[in-house]
Every structure is written in C-alpha cells, then in structure tokens.
Amino acid sequence: MKTTVDLPDDLFIAAKKRAAELRQPLRALIERGLRAELGRGAGQRQAKPRTIRWVTVAGGLPPGVDVASRAEMHDWLRQQR
C-alpha cells in the first residue's frame, strides 16, 4: 500500500543515508522500524488507564417538549426565536 508521510528534513536525510549505508531501499528501513516499534508496543508500552471526570449540569427537556414528536419540537424551537 502506498501512503504519504511528512517527515522533518533532517530525519529524512538521516534515514536516506542510513538506507544507503545498509544498501537497502528507504522503504525497507522504514518498514523494519515500524515493525520494531509496533512489536514492542504490546508488552513494554501499555498506557496507564485514565480516569474520566464526568462533567454534568442540571438540565433536561423543557416542559411541554415531546422528543417523540418532531412537529412539537419544531414548534417549540420556533417559539424560542
């Protein structure tokens, strides 16, 4: 599969040089690096579980609005203008 990736110029130049030193295409160097990074992700870099802080406010439906009736909701909205 083909894709486009934006890299900083210095990183791209260093990668091209390294690929040339290894006498392999840049594609192979990038593929090997991605496989190594993704392979270690399972055991070594597990993210800590995050606590979700729920923000709630008082509210609800305005009196007399029936969400089952689209026409009533539109009427209520028109009255609010």
PDB file of N, CA and C in Angstrom:
ATOM      1  N   MET A   1       0.843  -1.160   0.000  1.00  0.00           N
ATOM      2  CA  MET A   1       0.000   0.000   0.000  1.00  0.00           C
ATOM      3  C   MET A   1       0.895   1.232   0.000  1.00  0.00           C
ATOM      4  N   LYS A   2       0.465   2.240  -0.701  1.00  0.00           N
ATOM      5  CA  LYS A   2       1.230   3.482  -0.733  1.00  0.00           C
ATOM      6  C   LYS A   2       0.574   4.501   0.182  1.00  0.00           C
ATOM      7  N   THR A   3       1.417   5.341   0.778  1.00  0.00           N
ATOM      8  CA  THR A   3       0.917   6.422   1.625  1.00  0.00           C
ATOM      9  C   THR A   3       1.918   7.565   1.593  1.00  0.00           C
ATOM     10  N   THR A   4       1.492   8.698   2.084  1.00  0.00           N
ATOM     11  CA  THR A   4       2.379   9.858   2.161  1.00  0.00           C
ATOM     12  C   THR A   4       2.585  10.204   3.621  1.00  0.00           C
ATOM     13  N   VAL A   5       3.826  10.445   4.004  1.00  0.00           N
ATOM     14  CA  VAL A   5       4.156  10.793   5.377  1.00  0.00           C
ATOM     15  C   VAL A   5       5.028  12.042   5.345  1.00  0.00           C
ATOM     16  N   ASP A   6       4.693  13.012   6.176  1.00  0.00           N
ATOM     17  CA  ASP A   6       5.524  14.210   6.296  1.00  0.00           C
ATOM     18  C   ASP A   6       6.568  13.983   7.379  1.00  0.00           C
ATOM     19  N   LEU A   7       7.833  14.147   7.009  1.00  0.00           N
ATOM     20  CA  LEU A   7       8.936  13.980   7.951  1.00  0.00           C
ATOM     21  C   LEU A   7       9.758  15.260   7.983  1.00  0.00           C
ATOM     22  N   PRO A   8      10.359  15.557   9.122  1.00  0.00           N
ATOM     23  CA  PRO A   8      11.299  16.681   9.152  1.00  0.00           C
ATOM     24  C   PRO A   8      12.461  16.388   8.200  1.00  0.00           C
ATOM     25  N   ASP A   9      12.971  17.429   7.565  1.00  0.00           N
ATOM     26  CA  ASP A   9      14.045  17.251   6.576  1.00  0.00           C
ATOM     27  C   ASP A   9      15.248  16.511   7.139  1.00  0.00           C
ATOM     28  N   ASP A  10      15.664  16.854   8.362  1.00  0.00           N
ATOM     29  CA  ASP A  10      16.851  16.209   8.929  1.00  0.00           C
ATOM     30  C   ASP A  10      16.638  14.715   9.158  1.00  0.00           C
ATOM     31  N   LEU A  11      15.430  14.324   9.559  1.00  0.00           N
ATOM     32  CA  LEU A  11      15.141  12.906   9.765  1.00  0.00           C
ATOM     33  C   LEU A  11      15.135  12.157   8.437  1.00  0.00           C
ATOM     34  N   PHE A  12      14.556  12.763   7.418  1.00  0.00           N
ATOM     35  CA  PHE A  12      14.510  12.136   6.099  1.00  0.00           C
ATOM     36  C   PHE A  12      15.926  11.944   5.547  1.00  0.00           C
ATOM     37  N   ILE A  13      16.757  12.965   5.673  1.00  0.00           N
ATOM     38  CA  ILE A  13      18.127  12.876   5.166  1.00  0.00           C
ATOM     39  C   ILE A  13      18.906  11.797   5.914  1.00  0.00           C
ATOM     40  N   ALA A  14      18.749  11.754   7.234  1.00  0.00           N
ATOM     41  CA  ALA A  14      19.441  10.727   8.026  1.00  0.00           C
ATOM     42  C   ALA A  14      18.961   9.326   7.636  1.00  0.00           C
ATOM     43  N   ALA A  15      17.671   9.177   7.395  1.00  0.00           N
ATOM     44  CA  ALA A  15      17.124   7.874   7.009  1.00  0.00           C
ATOM     45  C   ALA A  15      17.653   7.453   5.637  1.00  0.00           C
ATOM     46  N   LYS A  16      17.699   8.387   4.694  1.00  0.00           N
ATOM     47  CA  LYS A  16      18.225   8.073   3.358  1.00  0.00           C
ATOM     48  C   LYS A  16      19.699   7.648   3.451  1.00  0.00           C
ATOM     49  N   LYS A  17      20.474   8.346   4.276  1.00  0.00           N
ATOM     50  CA  LYS A  17      21.885   7.997   4.437  1.00  0.00           C
ATOM     51  C   LYS A  17      22.037   6.605   5.034  1.00  0.00           C
ATOM     52  N   ARG A  18      21.226   6.322   6.072  1.00  0.00           N
ATOM     53  CA  ARG A  18      21.299   5.009   6.726  1.00  0.00           C
ATOM     54  C   ARG A  18      20.903   3.898   5.771  1.00  0.00           C
ATOM     55  N   ALA A  19      19.867   4.127   4.981  1.00  0.00           N
ATOM     56  CA  ALA A  19      19.440   3.130   3.996  1.00  0.00           C
ATOM     57  C   ALA A  19      20.554   2.881   2.972  1.00  0.00           C
ATOM     58  N   ALA A  20      21.232   3.951   2.562  1.00  0.00           N
ATOM     59  CA  ALA A  20      22.337   3.797   1.602  1.00  0.00           C
ATOM     60  C   ALA A  20      23.489   3.007   2.227  1.00  0.00           C
ATOM     61  N   GLU A  21      23.807   3.304   3.488  1.00  0.00           N
ATOM     62  CA  GLU A  21      24.862   2.560   4.178  1.00  0.00           C
ATOM     63  C   GLU A  21      24.543   1.076   4.248  1.00  0.00           C
ATOM     64  N   LEU A  22      23.272   0.753   4.460  1.00  0.00           N
ATOM     65  CA  LEU A  22      22.849  -0.645   4.565  1.00  0.00           C
ATOM     66  C   LEU A  22      22.583  -1.273   3.200  1.00  0.00           C
ATOM     67  N   ARG A  23      22.703  -0.459   2.143  1.00  0.00           N
ATOM     68  CA  ARG A  23      22.446  -0.911   0.769  1.00  0.00           C
ATOM     69  C   ARG A  23      21.056  -1.536   0.642  1.00  0.00           C
ATOM     70  N   GLN A  24      20.086  -0.789   1.116  1.00  0.00           N
ATOM     71  CA  GLN A  24      18.697  -1.238   1.020  1.00  0.00           C
ATOM     72  C   GLN A  24      17.814  -0.026   0.725  1.00  0.00           C
ATOM     73  N   PRO A  25      16.632  -0.260   0.195  1.00  0.00           N
ATOM     74  CA  PRO A  25      15.745   0.869  -0.090  1.00  0.00           C
ATOM     75  C   PRO A  25      15.243   1.520   1.197  1.00  0.00           C
ATOM     76  N   LEU A  26      14.940   2.787   1.099  1.00  0.00           N
ATOM     77  CA  LEU A  26      14.386   3.516   2.246  1.00  0.00           C
ATOM     78  C   LEU A  26      13.118   2.838   2.753  1.00  0.00           C
ATOM     79  N   ARG A  27      12.330   2.325   1.836  1.00  0.00           N
ATOM     80  CA  ARG A  27      11.083   1.628   2.196  1.00  0.00           C
ATOM     81  C   ARG A  27      11.353   0.486   3.191  1.00  0.00           C
ATOM     82  N   ALA A  28      12.420  -0.288   2.951  1.00  0.00           N
ATOM     83  CA  ALA A  28      12.746  -1.419   3.824  1.00  0.00           C
ATOM     84  C   ALA A  28      13.157  -0.932   5.216  1.00  0.00           C
ATOM     85  N   LEU A  29      13.908   0.167   5.268  1.00  0.00           N
ATOM     86  CA  LEU A  29      14.326   0.720   6.556  1.00  0.00           C
ATOM     87  C   LEU A  29      13.109   1.194   7.359  1.00  0.00           C
ATOM     88  N   ILE A  30      12.208   1.895   6.690  1.00  0.00           N
ATOM     89  CA  ILE A  30      11.002   2.391   7.364  1.00  0.00           C
ATOM     90  C   ILE A  30      10.123   1.236   7.822  1.00  0.00           C
ATOM     91  N   GLU A  31       9.962   0.232   6.954  1.00  0.00           N
ATOM     92  CA  GLU A  31       9.140  -0.920   7.312  1.00  0.00           C
ATOM     93  C   GLU A  31       9.700  -1.642   8.538  1.00  0.00           C
ATOM     94  N   ARG A  32      11.015  -1.854   8.559  1.00  0.00           N
ATOM     95  CA  ARG A  32      11.643  -2.536   9.692  1.00  0.00           C
ATOM     96  C   ARG A  32      11.470  -1.726  10.981  1.00  0.00           C
ATOM     97  N   GLY A  33      11.623  -0.415  10.883  1.00  0.00           N
ATOM     98  CA  GLY A  33      11.450   0.436  12.054  1.00  0.00           C
ATOM     99  C   GLY A  33      10.029   0.420  12.585  1.00  0.00           C
ATOM    100  N   LEU A  34       9.059   0.462  11.684  1.00  0.00           N
ATOM    101  CA  LEU A  34       7.657   0.406  12.120  1.00  0.00           C
ATOM    102  C   LEU A  34       7.328  -0.938  12.762  1.00  0.00           C
ATOM    103  N   ARG A  35       7.813  -2.016  12.154  1.00  0.00           N
ATOM    104  CA  ARG A  35       7.550  -3.345  12.731  1.00  0.00           C
ATOM    105  C   ARG A  35       8.167  -3.468  14.129  1.00  0.00           C
ATOM    106  N   ALA A  36       9.358  -2.935  14.306  1.00  0.00           N
ATOM    107  CA  ALA A  36      10.011  -2.991  15.613  1.00  0.00           C
ATOM    108  C   ALA A  36       9.210  -2.173  16.629  1.00  0.00           C
ATOM    109  N   GLU A  37       8.775  -0.995  16.253  1.00  0.00           N
ATOM    110  CA  GLU A  37       8.012  -0.137  17.160  1.00  0.00           C
ATOM    111  C   GLU A  37       6.671  -0.762  17.514  1.00  0.00           C
ATOM    112  N   LEU A  38       5.979  -1.300  16.542  1.00  0.00           N
ATOM    113  CA  LEU A  38       4.673  -1.903  16.797  1.00  0.00           C
ATOM    114  C   LEU A  38       4.804  -3.219  17.553  1.00  0.00           C
ATOM    115  N   GLY A  39       5.878  -3.944  17.338  1.00  0.00           N
ATOM    116  CA  GLY A  39       6.089  -5.217  18.022  1.00  0.00           C
ATOM    117  C   GLY A  39       6.334  -5.047  19.505  1.00  0.00           C
ATOM    118  N   ARG A  40       6.978  -3.969  19.896  1.00  0.00           N
ATOM    119  CA  ARG A  40       7.264  -3.779  21.318  1.00  0.00           C
ATOM    120  C   ARG A  40       6.090  -3.131  22.042  1.00  0.00           C
ATOM    121  N   GLY A  41       5.137  -2.623  21.320  1.00  0.00           N
ATOM    122  CA  GLY A  41       4.016  -1.928  21.936  1.00  0.00           C
ATOM    123  C   GLY A  41       3.163  -2.807  22.821  1.00  0.00           C
ATOM    124  N   ALA A  42       3.081  -4.095  22.519  1.00  0.00           N
ATOM    125  CA  ALA A  42       2.185  -4.972  23.279  1.00  0.00           C
ATOM    126  C   ALA A  42       2.653  -5.181  24.715  1.00  0.00           C
ATOM    127  N   GLY A  43       3.946  -5.408  24.920  1.00  0.00           N
ATOM    128  CA  GLY A  43       4.400  -5.738  26.254  1.00  0.00           C
ATOM    129  C   GLY A  43       5.038  -4.613  27.029  1.00  0.00           C
ATOM    130  N   GLN A  44       5.698  -3.702  26.350  1.00  0.00           N
ATOM    131  CA  GLN A  44       6.508  -2.722  27.060  1.00  0.00           C
ATOM    132  C   GLN A  44       5.821  -1.387  27.292  1.00  0.00           C
ATOM    133  N   ARG A  45       4.928  -0.982  26.404  1.00  0.00           N
ATOM    134  CA  ARG A  45       4.435   0.380  26.494  1.00  0.00           C
ATOM    135  C   ARG A  45       2.921   0.414  26.649  1.00  0.00           C
ATOM    136  N   GLN A  46       2.425  -0.194  27.684  1.00  0.00           N
ATOM    137  CA  GLN A  46       0.995  -0.153  27.919  1.00  0.00           C
ATOM    138  C   GLN A  46       0.646   1.167  28.580  1.00  0.00           C
ATOM    139  N   ALA A  47      -0.371   1.796  28.058  1.00  0.00           N
ATOM    140  CA  ALA A  47      -0.798   3.078  28.605  1.00  0.00           C
ATOM    141  C   ALA A  47      -1.506   2.851  29.936  1.00  0.00           C
ATOM    142  N   LYS A  48      -1.297   3.798  30.851  1.00  0.00           N
ATOM    143  CA  LYS A  48      -1.989   3.718  32.128  1.00  0.00           C
ATOM    144  C   LYS A  48      -3.472   3.981  31.908  1.00  0.00           C
ATOM    145  N   PRO A  49      -4.326   3.266  32.617  1.00  0.00           N
ATOM    146  CA  PRO A  49      -5.748   3.557  32.487  1.00  0.00           C
ATOM    147  C   PRO A  49      -6.030   4.974  32.989  1.00  0.00           C
ATOM    148  N   ARG A  50      -6.842   5.675  32.271  1.00  0.00           N
ATOM    149  CA  ARG A  50      -7.148   7.050  32.642  1.00  0.00           C
ATOM    150  C   ARG A  50      -8.512   7.118  33.299  1.00  0.00           C
ATOM    151  N   THR A  51      -8.612   7.991  34.257  1.00  0.00           N
ATOM    152  CA  THR A  51      -9.883   8.213  34.927  1.00  0.00           C
ATOM    153  C   THR A  51     -10.628   9.299  34.168  1.00  0.00           C
ATOM    154  N   ILE A  52     -11.866   9.022  33.871  1.00  0.00           N
ATOM    155  CA  ILE A  52     -12.687  10.010  33.182  1.00  0.00           C
ATOM    156  C   ILE A  52     -13.434  10.819  34.224  1.00  0.00           C
ATOM    157  N   ARG A  53     -13.283  12.125  34.131  1.00  0.00           N
ATOM    158  CA  ARG A  53     -14.007  13.001  35.043  1.00  0.00           C
ATOM    159  C   ARG A  53     -15.229  13.514  34.289  1.00  0.00           C
ATOM    160  N   TRP A  54     -16.387  13.039  34.690  1.00  0.00           N
ATOM    161  CA  TRP A  54     -17.623  13.421  34.031  1.00  0.00           C
ATOM    162  C   TRP A  54     -18.065  14.787  34.529  1.00  0.00           C
ATOM    163  N   VAL A  55     -18.398  15.641  33.590  1.00  0.00           N
ATOM    164  CA  VAL A  55     -18.913  16.958  33.929  1.00  0.00           C
ATOM    165  C   VAL A  55     -20.407  16.940  33.649  1.00  0.00           C
ATOM    166  N   THR A  56     -21.184  17.202  34.670  1.00  0.00           N
ATOM    167  CA  THR A  56     -22.634  17.188  34.493  1.00  0.00           C
ATOM    168  C   THR A  56     -23.214  18.529  34.911  1.00  0.00           C
ATOM    169  N   VAL A  57     -24.309  18.857  34.317  1.00  0.00           N
ATOM    170  CA  VAL A  57     -25.006  20.091  34.649  1.00  0.00           C
ATOM    171  C   VAL A  57     -26.489  19.775  34.789  1.00  0.00           C
ATOM    172  N   ALA A  58     -27.159  20.605  35.578  1.00  0.00           N
ATOM    173  CA  ALA A  58     -28.605  20.429  35.697  1.00  0.00           C
ATOM    174  C   ALA A  58     -29.232  20.775  34.354  1.00  0.00           C
ATOM    175  N   GLY A  59     -30.254  20.090  34.013  1.00  0.00           N
ATOM    176  CA  GLY A  59     -30.895  20.373  32.728  1.00  0.00           C
ATOM    177  C   GLY A  59     -31.980  19.365  32.457  1.00  0.00           C
ATOM    178  N   GLY A  60     -32.194  19.134  31.230  1.00  0.00           N
ATOM    179  CA  GLY A  60     -33.229  18.204  30.816  1.00  0.00           C
ATOM    180  C   GLY A  60     -34.056  18.853  29.727  1.00  0.00           C
ATOM    181  N   LEU A  61     -35.153  18.227  29.419  1.00  0.00           N
ATOM    182  CA  LEU A  61     -36.042  18.770  28.394  1.00  0.00           C
ATOM    183  C   LEU A  61     -36.881  19.901  28.958  1.00  0.00           C
ATOM    184  N   PRO A  62     -37.118  20.915  28.155  1.00  0.00           N
ATOM    185  CA  PRO A  62     -38.020  21.971  28.602  1.00  0.00           C
ATOM    186  C   PRO A  62     -39.427  21.404  28.786  1.00  0.00           C
ATOM    187  N   PRO A  63     -40.206  21.976  29.687  1.00  0.00           N
ATOM    188  CA  PRO A  63     -41.562  21.480  29.889  1.00  0.00           C
ATOM    189  C   PRO A  63     -42.385  21.569  28.603  1.00  0.00           C
ATOM    190  N   GLY A  64     -43.129  20.537  28.330  1.00  0.00           N
ATOM    191  CA  GLY A  64     -44.017  20.523  27.178  1.00  0.00           C
ATOM    192  C   GLY A  64     -43.382  20.053  25.886  1.00  0.00           C
ATOM    193  N   VAL A  65     -42.108  19.705  25.890  1.00  0.00           N
ATOM    194  CA  VAL A  65     -41.463  19.226  24.668  1.00  0.00           C
ATOM    195  C   VAL A  65     -41.460  17.710  24.685  1.00  0.00           C
ATOM    196  N   ASP A  66     -41.997  17.136  23.623  1.00  0.00           N
ATOM    197  CA  ASP A  66     -42.047  15.686  23.487  1.00  0.00           C
ATOM    198  C   ASP A  66     -41.063  15.282  22.400  1.00  0.00           C
ATOM    199  N   VAL A  67     -39.993  14.580  22.773  1.00  0.00           N
ATOM    200  CA  VAL A  67     -38.980  14.219  21.786  1.00  0.00           C
ATOM    201  C   VAL A  67     -39.484  13.195  20.787  1.00  0.00           C
ATOM    202  N   ALA A  68     -40.604  12.560  21.083  1.00  0.00           N
ATOM    203  CA  ALA A  68     -41.175  11.595  20.152  1.00  0.00           C
ATOM    204  C   ALA A  68     -41.912  12.291  19.013  1.00  0.00           C
ATOM    205  N   SER A  69     -42.185  13.580  19.178  1.00  0.00           N
ATOM    206  CA  SER A  69     -42.925  14.312  18.154  1.00  0.00           C
ATOM    207  C   SER A  69     -42.033  15.383  17.536  1.00  0.00           C
ATOM    208  N   ARG A  70     -41.643  15.119  16.332  1.00  0.00           N
ATOM    209  CA  ARG A  70     -40.780  16.059  15.624  1.00  0.00           C
ATOM    210  C   ARG A  70     -41.481  17.406  15.430  1.00  0.00           C
ATOM    211  N   ALA A  71     -42.753  17.364  15.126  1.00  0.00           N
ATOM    212  CA  ALA A  71     -43.517  18.592  14.905  1.00  0.00           C
ATOM    213  C   ALA A  71     -43.553  19.449  16.166  1.00  0.00           C
ATOM    214  N   GLU A  72     -43.749  18.810  17.348  1.00  0.00           N
ATOM    215  CA  GLU A  72     -43.776  19.559  18.604  1.00  0.00           C
ATOM    216  C   GLU A  72     -42.409  20.185  18.898  1.00  0.00           C
ATOM    217  N   MET A  73     -41.341  19.463  18.588  1.00  0.00           N
ATOM    218  CA  MET A  73     -40.012  20.019  18.818  1.00  0.00           C
ATOM    219  C   MET A  73     -39.780  21.235  17.929  1.00  0.00           C
ATOM    220  N   HIS A  74     -40.210  21.148  16.654  1.00  0.00           N
ATOM    221  CA  HIS A  74     -40.048  22.283  15.750  1.00  0.00           C
ATOM    222  C   HIS A  74     -40.889  23.471  16.210  1.00  0.00           C
ATOM    223  N   ASP A  75     -42.108  23.195  16.659  1.00  0.00           N
ATOM    224  CA  ASP A  75     -42.959  24.277  17.164  1.00  0.00           C
ATOM    225  C   ASP A  75     -42.292  24.968  18.353  1.00  0.00           C
ATOM    226  N   TRP A  76     -41.752  24.180  19.271  1.00  0.00           N
ATOM    227  CA  TRP A  76     -41.100  24.756  20.443  1.00  0.00           C
ATOM    228  C   TRP A  76     -39.907  25.624  20.035  1.00  0.00           C
ATOM    229  N   LEU A  77     -39.104  25.133  19.084  1.00  0.00           N
ATOM    230  CA  LEU A  77     -37.942  25.897  18.613  1.00  0.00           C
ATOM    231  C   LEU A  77     -38.374  27.197  17.965  1.00  0.00           C
ATOM    232  N   ARG A  78     -39.422  27.161  17.168  1.00  0.00           N
ATOM    233  CA  ARG A  78     -39.911  28.391  16.533  1.00  0.00           C
ATOM    234  C   ARG A  78     -40.370  29.409  17.580  1.00  0.00           C
ATOM    235  N   GLN A  79     -40.968  28.954  18.663  1.00  0.00           N
ATOM    236  CA  GLN A  79     -41.459  29.848  19.717  1.00  0.00           C
ATOM    237  C   GLN A  79     -40.292  30.508  20.451  1.00  0.00           C
ATOM    238  N   GLN A  80     -39.122  29.887  20.446  1.00  0.00           N
ATOM    239  CA  GLN A  80     -37.991  30.412  21.185  1.00  0.00           C
ATOM    240  C   GLN A  80     -37.275  31.538  20.445  1.00  0.00           C
ATOM    241  N   ARG A  81     -37.597  31.754  19.186  1.00  0.00           N
ATOM    242  CA  ARG A  81     -36.911  32.801  18.397  1.00  0.00           C
ATOM    243  C   ARG A  81     -37.375  34.170  18.749  1.00  0.00           C
TER     244      ARG A  81
END
